[in-house]
C-alpha atoms as a PDB file:
ATOM      1  CA  GLY A   1      28.207 -38.056 -12.261  1.00  0.00           C
ATOM      2  CA  LEU A   2      25.873 -38.858 -15.129  1.00  0.00           C
ATOM      3  CA  PRO A   3      25.946 -41.857 -17.491  1.00  0.00           C
ATOM      4  CA  GLY A   4      29.176 -41.856 -19.485  1.00  0.00           C
ATOM      5  CA  ASP A   5      31.009 -39.496 -17.106  1.00  0.00           C
ATOM      6  CA  THR A   6      34.448 -40.293 -15.742  1.00  0.00           C
ATOM      7  CA  ILE A   7      34.976 -39.160 -12.154  1.00  0.00           C
ATOM      8  CA  ARG A   8      38.542 -38.908 -10.838  1.00  0.00           C
ATOM      9  CA  MET A   9      39.486 -38.061  -7.265  1.00  0.00           C
ATOM     10  CA  LYS A  10      43.023 -36.892  -6.627  1.00  0.00           C
ATOM     11  CA  GLY A  11      43.840 -35.670  -3.114  1.00  0.00           C
ATOM     12  CA  HIS A  12      41.248 -33.009  -2.291  1.00  0.00           C
ATOM     13  CA  GLU A  13      40.323 -32.446  -5.955  1.00  0.00           C
ATOM     14  CA  ILE A  14      37.584 -33.919  -8.129  1.00  0.00           C
ATOM     15  CA  TRP A  15      37.704 -34.072 -11.907  1.00  0.00           C
ATOM     16  CA  VAL A  16      34.628 -34.738 -14.049  1.00  0.00           C
ATOM     17  CA  ASN A  17      35.477 -35.727 -17.628  1.00  0.00           C
ATOM     18  CA  ASP A  18      39.010 -34.306 -17.229  1.00  0.00           C
ATOM     19  CA  VAL A  19      37.714 -30.938 -15.960  1.00  0.00           C
ATOM     20  CA  LYS A  20      38.718 -30.046 -12.399  1.00  0.00           C
ATOM     21  CA  LEU A  21      35.888 -28.777 -10.205  1.00  0.00           C
ATOM     22  CA  PRO A  22      36.895 -25.333  -8.955  1.00  0.00           C
ATOM     23  CA  HIS A  23      37.367 -25.158  -5.212  1.00  0.00           C
ATOM     24  CA  LYS A  24      39.091 -22.966  -2.674  1.00  0.00           C
ATOM     25  CA  GLU A  25      39.937 -23.591   0.951  1.00  0.00           C
ATOM     26  CA  VAL A  26      37.658 -21.778   3.398  1.00  0.00           C
ATOM     27  CA  THR A  27      37.707 -21.241   7.137  1.00  0.00           C
ATOM     28  CA  ALA A  28      36.330 -23.965   9.326  1.00  0.00           C
ATOM     29  CA  GLN A  29      33.209 -22.026  10.349  1.00  0.00           C
ATOM     30  CA  TYR A  30      31.343 -25.303   9.917  1.00  0.00           C
ATOM     31  CA  ALA A  31      33.630 -27.191  12.300  1.00  0.00           C
ATOM     32  CA  THR A  32      32.693 -28.237  15.782  1.00  0.00           C
ATOM     33  CA  GLU A  33      35.186 -28.029  18.635  1.00  0.00           C
ATOM     34  CA  LYS A  34      35.953 -31.765  18.427  1.00  0.00           C
ATOM     35  CA  ASP A  35      36.663 -31.438  14.661  1.00  0.00           C
ATOM     36  CA  GLU A  36      39.262 -28.698  15.053  1.00  0.00           C
ATOM     37  CA  GLY A  37      42.556 -29.590  13.397  1.00  0.00           C
ATOM     38  CA  GLN A  38      41.222 -32.753  11.735  1.00  0.00           C
ATOM     39  CA  TYR A  39      39.629 -31.366   8.576  1.00  0.00           C
ATOM     40  CA  ARG A  40      40.102 -28.984   5.670  1.00  0.00           C
ATOM     41  CA  TYR A  41      37.018 -27.262   4.295  1.00  0.00           C
ATOM     42  CA  TYR A  42      36.579 -26.185   0.674  1.00  0.00           C
ATOM     43  CA  LEU A  43      34.007 -24.154  -1.197  1.00  0.00           C
ATOM     44  CA  GLU A  44      33.505 -26.277  -4.305  1.00  0.00           C
ATOM     45  CA  LYS A  45      31.578 -25.371  -7.440  1.00  0.00           C
ATOM     46  CA  TYR A  46      29.792 -27.633  -9.908  1.00  0.00           C
ATOM     47  CA  GLY A  47      27.969 -25.784 -12.656  1.00  0.00           C
ATOM     48  CA  GLU A  48      26.191 -22.868 -10.973  1.00  0.00           C
ATOM     49  CA  ARG A  49      26.067 -24.570  -7.560  1.00  0.00           C
ATOM     50  CA  GLU A  50      28.507 -23.844  -4.733  1.00  0.00           C
ATOM     51  CA  TYR A  51      28.711 -25.937  -1.577  1.00  0.00           C
ATOM     52  CA  VAL A  52      31.122 -26.676   1.249  1.00  0.00           C
ATOM     53  CA  VAL A  53      32.900 -30.031   1.465  1.00  0.00           C
ATOM     54  CA  ARG A  54      35.297 -31.366   4.053  1.00  0.00           C
ATOM     55  CA  TYR A  55      38.240 -33.734   3.928  1.00  0.00           C
ATOM     56  CA  PHE A  56      40.594 -35.078   6.554  1.00  0.00           C
ATOM     57  CA  ILE A  57      43.771 -32.995   6.483  1.00  0.00           C
ATOM     58  CA  GLU A  58      45.738 -35.920   4.978  1.00  0.00           C
ATOM     59  CA  GLU A  59      46.057 -35.320   1.222  1.00  0.00           C
ATOM     60  CA  ASN A  60      48.401 -38.163   0.258  1.00  0.00           C
ATOM     61  CA  ARG A  61      45.847 -40.658  -1.003  1.00  0.00           C
ATOM     62  CA  PRO A  62      45.702 -42.786  -4.132  1.00  0.00           C
ATOM     63  CA  VAL A  63      44.002 -41.484  -7.281  1.00  0.00           C
ATOM     64  CA  GLU A  64      40.554 -43.050  -7.682  1.00  0.00           C
ATOM     65  CA  THR A  65      38.731 -43.200 -11.027  1.00  0.00           C
ATOM     66  CA  TYR A  66      35.098 -44.176 -11.601  1.00  0.00           C
ATOM     67  CA  GLN A  67      33.173 -44.669 -14.840  1.00  0.00           C
ATOM     68  CA  VAL A  68      29.432 -44.011 -14.625  1.00  0.00           C
ATOM     69  CA  PRO A  69      27.458 -46.667 -16.548  1.00  0.00           C
ATOM     70  CA  GLU A  70      24.216 -46.140 -18.442  1.00  0.00           C
ATOM     71  CA  GLY A  71      21.060 -46.155 -16.329  1.00  0.00           C
ATOM     72  CA  GLY A  72      22.456 -44.592 -13.173  1.00  0.00           C
ATOM     73  CA  VAL A  73      24.299 -41.776 -11.440  1.00  0.00           C
ATOM     74  CA  PHE A  74      27.424 -41.477  -9.292  1.00  0.00           C
ATOM     75  CA  VAL A  75      26.783 -39.698  -5.975  1.00  0.00           C
ATOM     76  CA  ILE A  76      29.277 -38.428  -3.422  1.00  0.00           C
ATOM     77  CA  GLY A  77      28.784 -36.911   0.025  1.00  0.00           C
ATOM     78  CA  ASP A  78      30.004 -33.537   1.266  1.00  0.00           C
ATOM     79  CA  ASN A  79      31.885 -35.184   4.147  1.00  0.00           C
ATOM     80  CA  ARG A  80      34.239 -36.652   1.554  1.00  0.00           C
ATOM     81  CA  ASP A  81      36.351 -38.928   3.757  1.00  0.00           C
ATOM     82  CA  GLY A  82      33.468 -39.969   6.001  1.00  0.00           C
ATOM     83  CA  SER A  83      30.648 -40.405   3.466  1.00  0.00           C
ATOM     84  CA  PHE A  84      29.478 -43.825   2.394  1.00  0.00           C
ATOM     85  CA  ASP A  85      28.417 -43.133  -1.167  1.00  0.00           C
ATOM     86  CA  SER A  86      28.975 -44.410  -4.727  1.00  0.00           C
ATOM     87  CA  ARG A  87      32.650 -44.980  -3.938  1.00  0.00           C
ATOM     88  CA  ALA A  88      31.584 -47.665  -1.456  1.00  0.00           C
ATOM     89  CA  TRP A  89      28.326 -49.099  -2.840  1.00  0.00           C
ATOM     90  CA  GLY A  90      28.356 -48.217  -6.529  1.00  0.00           C
ATOM     91  CA  ASN A  91      26.142 -46.140  -8.762  1.00  0.00           C
ATOM     92  CA  VAL A  92      22.496 -45.337  -8.027  1.00  0.00           C
ATOM     93  CA  PRO A  93      20.042 -46.680 -10.640  1.00  0.00           C
ATOM     94  CA  PHE A  94      17.665 -44.048 -12.062  1.00  0.00           C
ATOM     95  CA  GLU A  95      14.648 -45.923 -10.698  1.00  0.00           C
ATOM     96  CA  ASN A  96      15.981 -45.395  -7.149  1.00  0.00           C
ATOM     97  CA  LEU A  97      16.037 -41.590  -7.481  1.00  0.00           C
ATOM     98  CA  LYS A  98      13.034 -40.051  -5.734  1.00  0.00           C
ATOM     99  CA  GLY A  99      13.878 -36.356  -5.368  1.00  0.00           C
ATOM    100  CA  ARG A 100      16.399 -33.788  -4.220  1.00  0.00           C
ATOM    101  CA  ALA A 101      18.334 -34.106  -0.960  1.00  0.00           C
ATOM    102  CA  LEU A 102      17.056 -31.548   1.542  1.00  0.00           C
ATOM    103  CA  PHE A 103      18.951 -32.235   4.764  1.00  0.00           C
ATOM    104  CA  ILE A 104      21.682 -34.381   6.274  1.00  0.00           C
ATOM    105  CA  TRP A 105      20.352 -37.670   7.611  1.00  0.00           C
ATOM    106  CA  LEU A 106      22.288 -40.088   9.848  1.00  0.00           C
ATOM    107  CA  PRO A 107      25.800 -38.593   9.438  1.00  0.00           C
ATOM    108  CA  ARG A 108      28.488 -40.982  10.666  1.00  0.00           C
ATOM    109  CA  SER A 109      31.142 -39.860  13.132  1.00  0.00           C
ATOM    110  CA  CYS A 110      34.440 -40.841  11.493  1.00  0.00           C
ATOM    111  CA  THR A 111      38.112 -40.291  12.301  1.00  0.00           C
ATOM    112  CA  PRO A 112      41.306 -41.152  10.409  1.00  0.00           C
ATOM    113  CA  VAL A 113      43.071 -44.391  11.335  1.00  0.00           C
ATOM    114  CA  PRO A 114      46.677 -43.632  12.384  1.00  0.00           C
ATOM    115  CA  PHE A 115      49.421 -45.393  10.408  1.00  0.00           C
ATOM    116  CA  ALA A 116      46.919 -46.851   7.919  1.00  0.00           C
ATOM    117  CA  LYS A 117      46.511 -46.249   4.191  1.00  0.00           C
ATOM    118  CA  PRO A 118      45.632 -42.552   3.632  1.00  0.00           C
ATOM    119  CA  GLY A 119      41.872 -42.039   3.604  1.00  0.00           C
ATOM    120  CA  THR A 120      41.242 -45.026   5.920  1.00  0.00           C
ATOM    121  CA  VAL A 121      38.694 -44.127   8.580  1.00  0.00           C
ATOM    122  CA  THR A 122      36.880 -45.698  11.476  1.00  0.00           C
ATOM    123  CA  CYS A 123      33.290 -44.711  12.198  1.00  0.00           C
ATOM    124  CA  ASP A 124      31.721 -45.075  15.629  1.00  0.00           C
ATOM    125  CA  GLY A 125      28.254 -43.663  15.937  1.00  0.00           C
ATOM    126  CA  LEU A 126      26.537 -40.562  14.620  1.00  0.00           C
ATOM    127  CA  ASN A 127      27.774 -37.002  14.285  1.00  0.00           C
ATOM    128  CA  TRP A 128      24.869 -35.268  16.004  1.00  0.00           C
ATOM    129  CA  ASP A 129      26.306 -31.825  15.169  1.00  0.00           C
ATOM    130  CA  ARG A 130      25.541 -32.412  11.466  1.00  0.00           C
ATOM    131  CA  PHE A 131      22.263 -34.303  11.909  1.00  0.00           C
ATOM    132  CA  GLY A 132      19.343 -32.475  10.311  1.00  0.00           C
ATOM    133  CA  GLN A 133      21.389 -29.626   8.781  1.00  0.00           C
ATOM    134  CA  VAL A 134      19.731 -28.153   5.699  1.00  0.00           C
ATOM    135  CA  ILE A 135      21.552 -28.817   2.405  1.00  0.00           C
ATOM    136  CA  ARG A 136      21.830 -25.607   0.407  1.00  0.00           C
END
């Protein structure tokens, strides 16, 4: 998100300034054996860019809304329920931007917490299957 944007997350959908980002569910060709049955994968599109994102199967989560202030950007990871991004630590100031992301670095290994608030996860180590993957 850019300064002035409103980002809203509702289930497995993202809205930027009241416009839903197009996405469609895709097969789990990106899943590892241990991930099977835990995630849903979507081909999402923002502008001319398409990319794959993943969510825990649970869709019943609260609506989250973020307002991007002047002087920074809102960033979100492709591993939506396991990414520590602007939802956790806030917006990134422009002066902290150094370039384009090229590969996945230090991906956490996260799983849903049973009987907890939807979207609650526990993370215990690194997901070595995603480490170093090229971001397209």
